[in-house]
Amino acid sequence: MAKYSFELKKKIVLEYLNEEVGYKTLAKKYGIPAIKSIKTWVYNYNAFGDKGFFRSRKNETYSFEKKLSVVELYMTTEVSYQQLALQENILNPFMDMYNSEIISYSISRNPSSQAIVSALTQAIEVTNDCKYRRTFHSDRGWAYQMKVYNKMLTKNKIFRSMSRKGNYYDNSVMENFFGVLKQEMYYGVVYYSYDELKNTIGKYITYYNKYRIKSKLNWMSPVEYRLSFVA
């Protein structure tokens, strides 16, 4: 039997994602001795939804026949796009950590270097008027280790920061964004096409930037918070 119930884990994760309190406060409030446990629950929920609380430690492999059957299922039935394990790898956002605003993003059918470079180019243009040294942080994904990606950073005098090996907590700010996005527009909703999902993501990011208030931003949206400091 699990040491902590599904209900308790989800309650704690949702409190964190809604930015009510931090890891340490939650651990003390609910008597969780290891903060790492809460971080793991948050990560698993962001990646797998409710199923993340029941993840098996067993590594499963799938035969060619099994993979083919999944593709055929999508092609011949009304199974939804995300039910075939669609994750956030089609969305490549860049966030300003000053106010949590998504300053650029790209959406593609599959992970691609072109999509990453497109989003990076937009982010560089948006931040060109920055008076201070710019730092772009990312995880250790293959796209962020490309020569073209790092050459663009060097060319524009941008400092590169990457998560430590095997430590996804270093990228928790972006993981939190993906968790909120999935919670509010992804889970429990059926999208039957790529275009439908793409349009919905675009609309959500507009809502997130302009209208979704945050307690840490004095109950303003990211855009409102930024504009409040414009002279």
Protein backbone atom coordinates (compact mmCIF):
# COMPACT_ATOMS: atom_id res chain seq x y z
CA MET A 1 0.00 0.00 0.00
CA ALA A 2 1.29 3.46 -0.90
CA LYS A 3 2.64 5.51 1.98
CA TYR A 4 0.75 8.60 0.78
CA SER A 5 -2.67 8.52 -0.84
CA PHE A 6 -3.45 9.72 -4.35
CA GLU A 7 -5.73 12.41 -2.92
CA LEU A 8 -3.02 13.82 -0.66
CA LYS A 9 -0.38 13.85 -3.39
CA LYS A 10 -2.66 15.65 -5.83
CA LYS A 11 -3.78 18.16 -3.21
CA ILE A 12 -0.16 19.05 -2.45
CA VAL A 13 0.81 19.28 -6.12
CA LEU A 14 -2.12 21.53 -7.00
CA GLU A 15 -1.30 23.84 -4.11
CA TYR A 16 2.23 24.15 -5.47
CA LEU A 17 1.16 24.66 -9.09
CA ASN A 18 -1.33 27.33 -8.06
CA GLU A 19 1.62 29.12 -6.45
CA GLU A 20 0.06 29.16 -3.02
CA VAL A 21 3.16 27.94 -1.19
CA GLY A 22 6.64 26.48 -1.80
CA TYR A 23 8.11 23.02 -1.32
CA LYS A 24 9.37 23.60 2.23
CA THR A 25 6.08 25.05 3.45
CA LEU A 26 4.11 22.17 1.91
CA ALA A 27 6.43 19.58 3.44
CA LYS A 28 6.01 21.10 6.89
CA LYS A 29 2.25 21.58 6.49
CA TYR A 30 1.56 17.96 5.51
CA GLY A 31 4.34 16.27 7.47
CA ILE A 32 6.35 15.10 4.46
CA PRO A 33 9.91 14.52 5.73
CA ALA A 34 11.56 14.55 2.28
CA ILE A 35 11.05 17.65 0.13
CA LYS A 36 12.35 15.59 -2.79
CA SER A 37 9.17 13.51 -2.63
CA ILE A 38 7.02 16.57 -3.34
CA LYS A 39 9.32 17.65 -6.17
CA THR A 40 9.00 14.19 -7.70
CA TRP A 41 5.19 14.27 -7.44
CA VAL A 42 5.12 17.66 -9.16
CA TYR A 43 7.41 16.46 -11.94
CA ASN A 44 5.42 13.26 -12.51
CA TYR A 45 2.12 15.15 -12.53
CA ASN A 46 3.46 17.66 -15.04
CA ALA A 47 4.62 14.85 -17.31
CA PHE A 48 1.84 12.26 -16.91
CA GLY A 49 -1.14 13.86 -15.20
CA ASP A 50 -2.97 11.79 -12.58
CA LYS A 51 -1.25 8.65 -13.87
CA GLY A 52 2.04 10.11 -12.67
CA PHE A 53 1.03 9.31 -9.10
CA PHE A 54 0.77 5.62 -9.98
CA ARG A 55 3.84 5.26 -12.19
CA SER A 56 5.48 1.86 -12.24
CA ARG A 57 9.20 1.57 -11.74
CA LYS A 58 9.25 -1.12 -14.41
CA ASN A 59 10.72 -0.08 -17.75
CA GLU A 60 8.43 -1.25 -20.52
CA THR A 61 9.34 -1.85 -24.14
CA TYR A 62 6.95 -2.12 -27.06
CA SER A 63 7.19 -4.30 -30.13
CA PHE A 64 6.87 -3.05 -33.69
CA GLU A 65 3.44 -4.63 -33.87
CA LYS A 66 2.30 -2.77 -30.74
CA LYS A 67 3.55 0.57 -32.08
CA LEU A 68 1.87 -0.07 -35.44
CA SER A 69 -1.41 -0.88 -33.72
CA VAL A 70 -1.33 2.47 -31.90
CA VAL A 71 -0.81 4.36 -35.17
CA GLU A 72 -3.61 2.40 -36.84
CA LEU A 73 -5.86 3.14 -33.88
CA TYR A 74 -5.35 6.88 -34.36
CA MET A 75 -5.86 6.65 -38.13
CA THR A 76 -9.05 4.60 -37.99
CA THR A 77 -10.92 5.76 -34.87
CA GLU A 78 -11.84 8.90 -32.97
CA VAL A 79 -9.14 8.47 -30.35
CA SER A 80 -7.89 11.92 -29.37
CA TYR A 81 -4.53 13.40 -30.32
CA GLN A 82 -3.25 13.58 -26.76
CA GLN A 83 -4.45 10.09 -25.90
CA LEU A 84 -1.57 8.82 -28.03
CA ALA A 85 0.95 10.20 -25.54
CA LEU A 86 1.31 13.73 -26.91
CA GLN A 87 3.46 15.72 -24.48
CA GLU A 88 4.89 19.26 -24.45
CA ASN A 89 7.69 18.42 -26.93
CA ILE A 90 5.75 20.19 -29.71
CA LEU A 91 5.77 23.45 -27.73
CA ASN A 92 9.02 25.41 -27.39
CA PRO A 93 8.45 28.41 -25.09
CA PHE A 94 10.86 31.00 -23.70
CA MET A 95 9.88 32.59 -20.39
CA ASP A 96 11.05 35.85 -18.82
CA MET A 97 11.70 34.86 -15.21
CA TYR A 98 11.21 38.48 -14.11
CA ASN A 99 7.46 38.25 -14.52
CA SER A 100 6.86 34.69 -15.81
CA GLU A 101 5.76 36.02 -19.20
CA ILE A 102 6.09 33.75 -22.24
CA ILE A 103 8.02 36.09 -24.52
CA SER A 104 8.26 33.73 -27.49
CA TYR A 105 7.32 30.23 -28.54
CA SER A 106 7.03 27.92 -31.50
CA ILE A 107 4.77 24.93 -32.09
CA SER A 108 5.64 22.06 -34.40
CA ARG A 109 4.22 18.64 -35.20
CA ASN A 110 7.45 16.99 -34.02
CA PRO A 111 10.51 18.07 -32.05
CA SER A 112 12.79 19.92 -34.49
CA SER A 113 15.84 22.15 -34.49
CA GLN A 114 14.06 24.65 -36.75
CA ALA A 115 11.29 25.12 -34.18
CA ILE A 116 13.77 25.75 -31.37
CA VAL A 117 15.79 28.22 -33.46
CA SER A 118 12.60 30.05 -34.47
CA ALA A 119 11.55 30.53 -30.84
CA LEU A 120 15.10 31.49 -29.85
CA THR A 121 15.28 34.12 -32.59
CA GLN A 122 12.05 35.69 -31.35
CA ALA A 123 13.29 35.67 -27.74
CA ILE A 124 16.55 37.38 -28.73
CA GLU A 125 14.67 40.09 -30.63
CA VAL A 126 12.25 40.72 -27.76
CA THR A 127 15.10 41.13 -25.25
CA ASN A 128 17.46 43.15 -27.47
CA ASP A 129 16.83 46.34 -25.50
CA CYS A 130 17.91 44.75 -22.21
CA LYS A 131 20.47 46.97 -20.45
CA TYR A 132 21.98 44.08 -18.50
CA ARG A 133 23.61 40.78 -19.38
CA ARG A 134 21.05 38.32 -20.62
CA THR A 135 21.06 34.73 -19.38
CA PHE A 136 19.12 32.03 -21.20
CA HIS A 137 18.51 28.93 -19.08
CA SER A 138 17.42 25.54 -20.37
CA ASP A 139 17.47 21.87 -19.53
CA ARG A 140 20.06 19.58 -21.14
CA GLY A 141 17.88 18.58 -24.08
CA TRP A 142 19.55 17.82 -27.41
CA ALA A 143 18.17 20.96 -29.04
CA TYR A 144 19.86 23.26 -26.52
CA GLN A 145 23.23 21.64 -27.17
CA MET A 146 23.15 22.26 -30.92
CA LYS A 147 26.00 24.30 -32.37
CA VAL A 148 23.61 26.68 -34.11
CA TYR A 149 21.77 27.34 -30.83
CA ASN A 150 24.94 28.14 -28.92
CA LYS A 151 26.42 30.19 -31.77
CA MET A 152 23.34 32.40 -31.71
CA LEU A 153 23.77 32.94 -27.97
CA THR A 154 27.45 33.78 -28.34
CA LYS A 155 26.80 36.10 -31.28
CA ASN A 156 24.28 38.08 -29.24
CA LYS A 157 26.44 38.08 -26.09
CA ILE A 158 23.96 35.97 -24.14
CA PHE A 159 25.18 33.86 -21.23
CA ARG A 160 24.14 30.20 -21.43
CA SER A 161 22.88 28.40 -18.33
CA MET A 162 21.92 24.73 -18.27
CA SER A 163 20.45 22.40 -15.67
CA ARG A 164 22.82 20.07 -13.90
CA LYS A 165 23.00 16.52 -15.23
CA GLY A 166 20.15 14.41 -13.93
CA ASN A 167 18.61 17.33 -12.03
CA TYR A 168 15.31 18.38 -13.59
CA TYR A 169 14.55 20.58 -10.55
CA ASP A 170 16.90 23.22 -11.99
CA ASN A 171 14.30 23.83 -14.68
CA SER A 172 11.35 23.83 -12.28
CA VAL A 173 10.07 27.25 -13.40
CA MET A 174 9.33 25.99 -16.90
CA GLU A 175 8.14 22.63 -15.61
CA ASN A 176 5.67 24.55 -13.47
CA PHE A 177 4.38 26.42 -16.54
CA PHE A 178 3.82 23.16 -18.41
CA GLY A 179 2.02 21.77 -15.38
CA VAL A 180 -0.33 24.76 -15.17
CA LEU A 181 -0.96 24.68 -18.94
CA LYS A 182 -1.87 21.00 -18.88
CA GLN A 183 -4.03 21.39 -15.81
CA GLU A 184 -6.04 24.27 -17.26
CA MET A 185 -6.41 23.43 -20.95
CA TYR A 186 -5.17 19.89 -21.58
CA TYR A 187 -6.37 17.31 -19.07
CA GLY A 188 -9.97 16.21 -19.56
CA VAL A 189 -10.29 17.89 -22.96
CA VAL A 190 -10.26 16.02 -26.26
CA TYR A 191 -8.35 17.46 -29.24
CA TYR A 192 -8.81 15.51 -32.46
CA SER A 193 -6.25 17.30 -34.61
CA TYR A 194 -2.89 18.98 -34.44
CA ASP A 195 -4.32 22.28 -35.70
CA GLU A 196 -7.00 22.31 -33.02
CA LEU A 197 -4.45 21.70 -30.28
CA LYS A 198 -2.04 24.27 -31.76
CA ASN A 199 -4.70 27.00 -31.87
CA THR A 200 -5.80 26.25 -28.33
CA ILE A 201 -2.23 26.45 -27.02
CA GLY A 202 -1.76 29.82 -28.74
CA LYS A 203 -4.95 31.17 -27.19
CA TYR A 204 -3.96 29.84 -23.77
CA ILE A 205 -0.55 31.55 -23.88
CA THR A 206 -2.26 34.85 -24.70
CA TYR A 207 -4.58 34.32 -21.73
CA TYR A 208 -1.67 33.29 -19.50
CA ASN A 209 0.34 36.39 -20.35
CA LYS A 210 -2.42 39.00 -20.32
CA TYR A 211 -5.10 37.81 -17.91
CA ARG A 212 -3.95 35.02 -15.58
CA ILE A 213 -3.10 36.69 -12.27
CA LYS A 214 -0.40 35.43 -9.88
CA SER A 215 -0.01 36.02 -6.18
CA LYS A 216 3.75 36.56 -6.53
CA LEU A 217 3.02 39.35 -9.04
CA ASN A 218 0.81 41.24 -6.60
CA TRP A 219 -2.26 39.64 -8.15
CA MET A 220 -1.48 40.95 -11.62
CA SER A 221 -0.95 39.10 -14.88
CA PRO A 222 2.61 38.90 -16.27
CA VAL A 223 1.94 41.66 -18.81
CA GLU A 224 0.21 43.90 -16.26
CA TYR A 225 3.12 43.45 -13.85
CA ARG A 226 5.67 44.38 -16.52
CA LEU A 227 3.72 47.44 -17.61
CA SER A 228 3.29 48.60 -14.02
CA PHE A 229 7.04 49.26 -13.87
CA VAL A 230 7.28 51.07 -17.20
CA ALA A 231 8.08 54.71 -16.65
